[in-house]
Every structure is written in structure tokens, then in C-alpha cells.
Amino acid sequence: MSISTAVIVAAGKGKRMGTEISKQFLPLCGKEILAHTVEKFEKAACIRDIILVTGGDALQDVRQMVQEYGWKKIISVTEGGKERQDSVFLGLQQVPQDTEIVLIHDGVRPFVTEEILERSIAAAKETGGCVAGVPAKDTIKVCDAEGFAIATPDRSTLRQIQTPQTFRRKEILAAYEKAKADGFLGTDDASVAEHSGFPVRVIMGSYRNIKITTKEDLLIGAAFLKEETE
């Protein structure tokens, strides 16, 4: 079995949620969203280590969570940077050198399954990098600066990308180093890998693997958790 480390990024401010509390610390059925996420990785046999990346003002709170929940796989709680890309790079620098595969995951995506983690690791071992994604359900329009539709991409070719985004450690670290040197800012980890010319396969994720960023997402997440416990 390959040695796999998860880098869970929880350094966002949650501006879209419109709350004073960062979204990763909001309660979801009585437990922080981040706690639900971490526990999926704690329970997954395919994950050896977990690195948590969070904002500087939340370091003590996250370290306290590690103690209170008794998480055993956390090897580092690291301060993030200005952008998500900076935070991921800082997390990657904490990954043990004997790690073969790194899974980068959003701290507010608590419905990832062990089956997705296992398939992600297998695909990354084979191809070097992969991301979870789902076929787009809605028609997508490309709009100009004035809001007029100017193109309609073929929906069959479009995927809504999720996390985990999973790579061989050496390759994704090299990609992040190149991005920093080039001043390149990507929209996700896959775009950083693509910037370095690394191929990235898209594997099937899950429509339940949502990122909780709005109040509506909280309602959906609560419904998912209720279903899981019934």
C-alpha cells in the first residue's frame, strides 16, 4: 500500500456565508464542519497522515479541536497564507518525504467518501495526478463583460471539479514551486499542475461531495447528515 498524506485546507474567511465565524467552524448538526471533514480522513485506512492548514488567528482553536476530538493522524497544524494556493504550498512543505501520494482537500467538503479517496490514490499512482469531478447538470454560458451570452460549451465535455485533488508528492511540490517562481495563480491544484505540464485525470466524484459555502449549503448538508444517521 502506498503512503498517503492528506492536506486539508481550512484557512478561508467564509465571506459568501455572511457570518462572523469562518465557515469551517460553523456547526453542522452540533459539530464543526471541519470536524466532520477531518473525521472522514481519520477513519480512512488509506490515509496515514493529515496536515491541517488554517488561518493564523485560528491556529490555537484548531489545535484544541485536535486534542478534544482525539484525532491521531494529525502531524501538523500549519498557518496558511494570503491565497488558497499559498496555504496549500505551505501545507505541502510539511508533508513527510516518504509520502508517495498527497490528497489536497477542502476543509468545508465533509461528505467525501473513503471510496473516492481510494480511487483518487489509485488514479494518482497510475497517472501522476487526478481530481474528483461530476458532469455538469446545467447548461453553461460564456458571457461577455456586459453579461451577454457569447458561447455555449458542449455540456458533455464539462465537469464540475471537487476535491480531493490527488498527486504524486514530488510532482505536485515541483509544480507549486514553479508556480511560485513564475508568479502563476491558479484556481485549483489541478491548474497549478497543468501550468507545469503535468497531466491531470478527472475521475468521478459525487454530487453529495458538496463544498459548504452558503447558508443553503448548510441546509443541504444537514439533510445529508440526517440521512446518514437514520
Protein backbone atom coordinates (compact mmCIF):
# COMPACT_ATOMS: atom_id res chain seq x y z
CA MET A 1 0.00 0.00 0.00
CA SER A 2 1.32 3.46 -0.89
CA ILE A 3 1.91 6.00 1.87
CA SER A 4 -0.67 8.76 1.52
CA THR A 5 -0.93 12.11 3.31
CA ALA A 6 -3.92 14.46 3.27
CA VAL A 7 -3.51 18.23 3.27
CA ILE A 8 -6.81 19.69 4.46
CA VAL A 9 -7.10 23.41 3.78
CA ALA A 10 -9.28 25.35 6.22
CA ALA A 11 -7.96 28.89 6.02
CA GLY A 12 -10.91 30.60 4.33
CA LYS A 13 -12.85 33.51 5.80
CA GLY A 14 -16.28 32.46 4.57
CA LYS A 15 -17.28 35.81 3.06
CA ARG A 16 -20.03 34.20 0.97
CA MET A 17 -21.58 32.72 4.11
CA GLY A 18 -22.04 36.20 5.56
CA THR A 19 -21.10 35.18 9.11
CA GLU A 20 -18.50 36.44 11.56
CA ILE A 21 -17.34 32.86 12.18
CA SER A 22 -15.20 31.30 9.45
CA LYS A 23 -17.30 28.75 7.60
CA GLN A 24 -15.13 25.76 8.57
CA PHE A 25 -16.01 26.36 12.23
CA LEU A 26 -19.75 26.75 11.74
CA PRO A 27 -21.79 23.99 13.41
CA LEU A 28 -23.39 21.34 11.26
CA CYS A 29 -25.72 19.17 13.34
CA GLY A 30 -23.83 20.05 16.50
CA LYS A 31 -20.26 19.63 15.22
CA GLU A 32 -17.94 21.95 13.31
CA ILE A 33 -17.91 21.43 9.54
CA LEU A 34 -14.14 20.95 9.71
CA ALA A 35 -14.56 18.21 12.31
CA HIS A 36 -16.92 16.28 10.03
CA THR A 37 -14.34 16.58 7.23
CA VAL A 38 -11.32 15.54 9.28
CA GLU A 39 -13.12 12.51 10.67
CA LYS A 40 -13.63 11.12 7.15
CA PHE A 41 -9.84 11.05 6.75
CA GLU A 42 -9.23 9.82 10.30
CA LYS A 43 -11.41 6.79 9.60
CA ALA A 44 -9.99 6.05 6.13
CA ALA A 45 -7.48 3.20 6.21
CA CYS A 46 -5.82 4.53 3.04
CA ILE A 47 -4.65 7.73 4.79
CA ARG A 48 -1.61 7.66 7.08
CA ASP A 49 -1.10 11.34 7.95
CA ILE A 50 -3.15 14.54 7.97
CA ILE A 51 -1.87 18.11 7.79
CA LEU A 52 -4.32 20.89 8.67
CA VAL A 53 -3.76 24.36 7.22
CA THR A 54 -5.70 27.19 8.82
CA GLY A 55 -5.60 30.94 9.39
CA GLY A 56 -3.16 32.34 11.91
CA ASP A 57 -5.97 33.57 14.15
CA ALA A 58 -7.43 30.05 14.29
CA LEU A 59 -4.29 28.01 14.99
CA GLN A 60 -5.00 27.61 18.70
CA ASP A 61 -8.65 26.76 18.10
CA VAL A 62 -7.73 24.04 15.61
CA ARG A 63 -5.04 22.61 17.87
CA GLN A 64 -7.61 22.49 20.65
CA MET A 65 -10.00 20.65 18.33
CA VAL A 66 -7.30 18.07 17.65
CA GLN A 67 -6.99 17.44 21.38
CA GLU A 68 -10.71 17.45 22.12
CA TYR A 69 -11.63 15.05 19.32
CA GLY A 70 -8.61 12.82 19.90
CA TRP A 71 -7.53 12.82 16.26
CA LYS A 72 -4.49 10.55 15.88
CA LYS A 73 -3.37 11.18 12.30
CA ILE A 74 -2.72 14.94 12.57
CA ILE A 75 1.03 15.54 12.26
CA SER A 76 0.93 19.30 11.73
CA VAL A 77 -1.38 22.27 12.18
CA THR A 78 0.11 24.88 9.87
CA GLU A 79 -0.62 28.57 9.34
CA GLY A 80 -1.92 29.35 5.87
CA GLY A 81 -1.14 32.21 3.52
CA LYS A 82 -2.95 35.03 1.76
CA GLU A 83 -4.40 32.90 -1.04
CA ARG A 84 -5.56 29.28 -1.03
CA GLN A 85 -2.61 28.45 -3.30
CA ASP A 86 -0.22 29.89 -0.70
CA SER A 87 -1.88 27.82 2.01
CA VAL A 88 -1.61 24.60 0.01
CA PHE A 89 2.07 25.26 -0.73
CA LEU A 90 2.76 25.79 2.98
CA GLY A 91 0.93 22.54 3.74
CA LEU A 92 2.85 20.61 1.09
CA GLN A 93 6.10 21.68 2.72
CA GLN A 94 5.02 19.81 5.86
CA VAL A 95 4.34 16.51 4.05
CA PRO A 96 6.77 13.74 5.12
CA GLN A 97 9.31 12.87 2.44
CA ASP A 98 8.38 9.19 2.50
CA THR A 99 4.85 10.09 1.36
CA GLU A 100 4.12 8.90 -2.17
CA ILE A 101 0.64 10.36 -2.70
CA VAL A 102 -0.80 13.67 -1.45
CA LEU A 103 -4.53 14.37 -1.33
CA ILE A 104 -5.43 18.07 -1.13
CA HIS A 105 -8.93 18.62 0.22
CA ASP A 106 -11.23 21.48 1.19
CA GLY A 107 -11.94 21.68 4.90
CA VAL A 108 -15.57 22.52 4.15
CA ARG A 109 -16.22 19.48 1.97
CA PRO A 110 -17.33 16.97 4.65
CA PHE A 111 -19.14 14.38 2.52
CA VAL A 112 -16.17 12.84 0.73
CA THR A 113 -16.21 9.05 0.97
CA GLU A 114 -13.46 6.54 1.60
CA GLU A 115 -14.25 5.02 -1.78
CA ILE A 116 -13.46 8.34 -3.51
CA LEU A 117 -10.23 8.60 -1.52
CA GLU A 118 -9.17 5.10 -2.54
CA ARG A 119 -9.95 5.67 -6.22
CA SER A 120 -8.12 9.00 -6.12
CA ILE A 121 -4.99 7.40 -4.72
CA ALA A 122 -5.09 4.60 -7.29
CA ALA A 123 -5.51 7.05 -10.19
CA ALA A 124 -2.72 9.34 -8.95
CA LYS A 125 -0.35 6.38 -8.63
CA GLU A 126 -1.11 5.44 -12.23
CA THR A 127 -1.15 8.85 -13.94
CA GLY A 128 0.60 11.25 -11.54
CA GLY A 129 -2.45 13.37 -10.78
CA CYS A 130 -6.23 13.29 -10.65
CA VAL A 131 -9.16 15.33 -9.42
CA ALA A 132 -12.68 14.31 -8.46
CA GLY A 133 -15.43 15.84 -10.55
CA VAL A 134 -19.00 15.36 -11.71
CA PRO A 135 -20.67 16.00 -15.07
CA ALA A 136 -22.29 19.43 -15.28
CA LYS A 137 -26.07 19.18 -14.92
CA ASP A 138 -26.89 22.66 -16.12
CA THR A 139 -26.16 24.39 -19.40
CA ILE A 140 -23.14 26.67 -19.05
CA LYS A 141 -22.92 30.03 -20.84
CA VAL A 142 -19.81 32.09 -21.54
CA CYS A 143 -20.70 35.76 -21.08
CA ASP A 144 -19.02 39.00 -22.10
CA ALA A 145 -18.28 41.94 -19.80
CA GLU A 146 -21.81 43.28 -20.29
CA GLY A 147 -23.46 39.99 -19.33
CA PHE A 148 -24.47 38.83 -22.79
CA ALA A 149 -24.08 35.14 -23.66
CA ILE A 150 -21.43 34.69 -26.35
CA ALA A 151 -20.88 30.92 -26.32
CA THR A 152 -22.41 27.68 -25.07
CA PRO A 153 -19.81 24.97 -24.39
CA ASP A 154 -20.74 21.36 -25.09
CA ARG A 155 -22.05 20.23 -21.71
CA SER A 156 -20.91 16.65 -22.29
CA THR A 157 -17.29 17.83 -22.05
CA LEU A 158 -17.73 19.85 -18.84
CA ARG A 159 -17.01 18.69 -15.30
CA GLN A 160 -17.64 20.45 -12.01
CA ILE A 161 -14.39 19.93 -10.14
CA GLN A 162 -14.29 18.94 -6.49
CA THR A 163 -11.66 17.79 -4.03
CA PRO A 164 -9.71 15.71 -3.21
CA GLN A 165 -7.18 16.70 -5.82
CA THR A 166 -4.55 14.00 -5.64
CA PHE A 167 -0.97 13.82 -6.89
CA ARG A 168 2.39 12.16 -6.52
CA ARG A 169 4.15 14.19 -3.83
CA LYS A 170 7.27 15.09 -5.78
CA GLU A 171 5.36 16.22 -8.85
CA ILE A 172 2.83 18.46 -7.12
CA LEU A 173 5.52 20.01 -4.92
CA ALA A 174 7.59 20.78 -8.03
CA ALA A 175 4.50 22.26 -9.70
CA TYR A 176 3.84 24.56 -6.75
CA GLU A 177 7.48 25.65 -6.68
CA LYS A 178 7.30 26.52 -10.39
CA ALA A 179 4.02 28.39 -9.93
CA LYS A 180 5.59 30.48 -7.18
CA ALA A 181 8.67 31.21 -9.29
CA ASP A 182 6.51 32.17 -12.29
CA GLY A 183 4.03 34.24 -10.29
CA PHE A 184 1.23 31.98 -11.52
CA LEU A 185 -2.02 31.93 -9.53
CA GLY A 186 -4.33 29.04 -10.40
CA THR A 187 -7.94 28.45 -9.48
CA ASP A 188 -7.24 25.00 -8.02
CA ASP A 189 -4.43 22.49 -7.52
CA ALA A 190 -5.05 20.90 -10.91
CA SER A 191 -4.46 24.22 -12.67
CA VAL A 192 -1.12 24.50 -10.86
CA ALA A 193 -0.18 21.03 -12.09
CA GLU A 194 -1.37 21.88 -15.61
CA HIS A 195 0.83 25.01 -15.58
CA SER A 196 3.83 22.71 -15.17
CA GLY A 197 2.67 20.44 -17.96
CA PHE A 198 1.58 17.57 -15.70
CA PRO A 199 -1.44 15.60 -16.97
CA VAL A 200 -4.45 15.55 -14.66
CA ARG A 201 -7.17 12.93 -14.98
CA VAL A 202 -10.73 13.69 -13.86
CA ILE A 203 -12.33 10.79 -12.01
CA MET A 204 -15.95 10.51 -10.93
CA GLY A 205 -16.68 12.28 -7.67
CA SER A 206 -20.13 12.53 -6.13
CA TYR A 207 -22.97 15.02 -6.29
CA ARG A 208 -23.11 14.67 -2.50
CA ASN A 209 -19.49 15.78 -2.15
CA ILE A 210 -20.53 19.42 -1.83
CA LYS A 211 -18.46 22.36 -0.66
CA ILE A 212 -20.33 24.22 2.07
CA THR A 213 -20.00 27.90 1.21
CA THR A 214 -23.53 29.32 1.58
CA LYS A 215 -26.38 29.10 4.06
CA GLU A 216 -28.29 26.99 1.55
CA ASP A 217 -25.41 24.51 1.57
CA LEU A 218 -25.76 24.20 5.35
CA LEU A 219 -29.37 23.11 4.91
CA ILE A 220 -28.38 20.54 2.29
CA GLY A 221 -25.54 19.28 4.49
CA ALA A 222 -27.85 18.87 7.46
CA ALA A 223 -30.20 16.79 5.31
CA PHE A 224 -27.31 14.57 4.18
CA LEU A 225 -26.19 14.01 7.78
CA LYS A 226 -29.72 13.22 8.91
CA GLU A 227 -29.98 10.63 6.15
CA GLU A 228 -26.63 9.07 7.14
CA THR A 229 -27.74 8.61 10.75
CA GLU A 230 -31.18 7.17 10.03
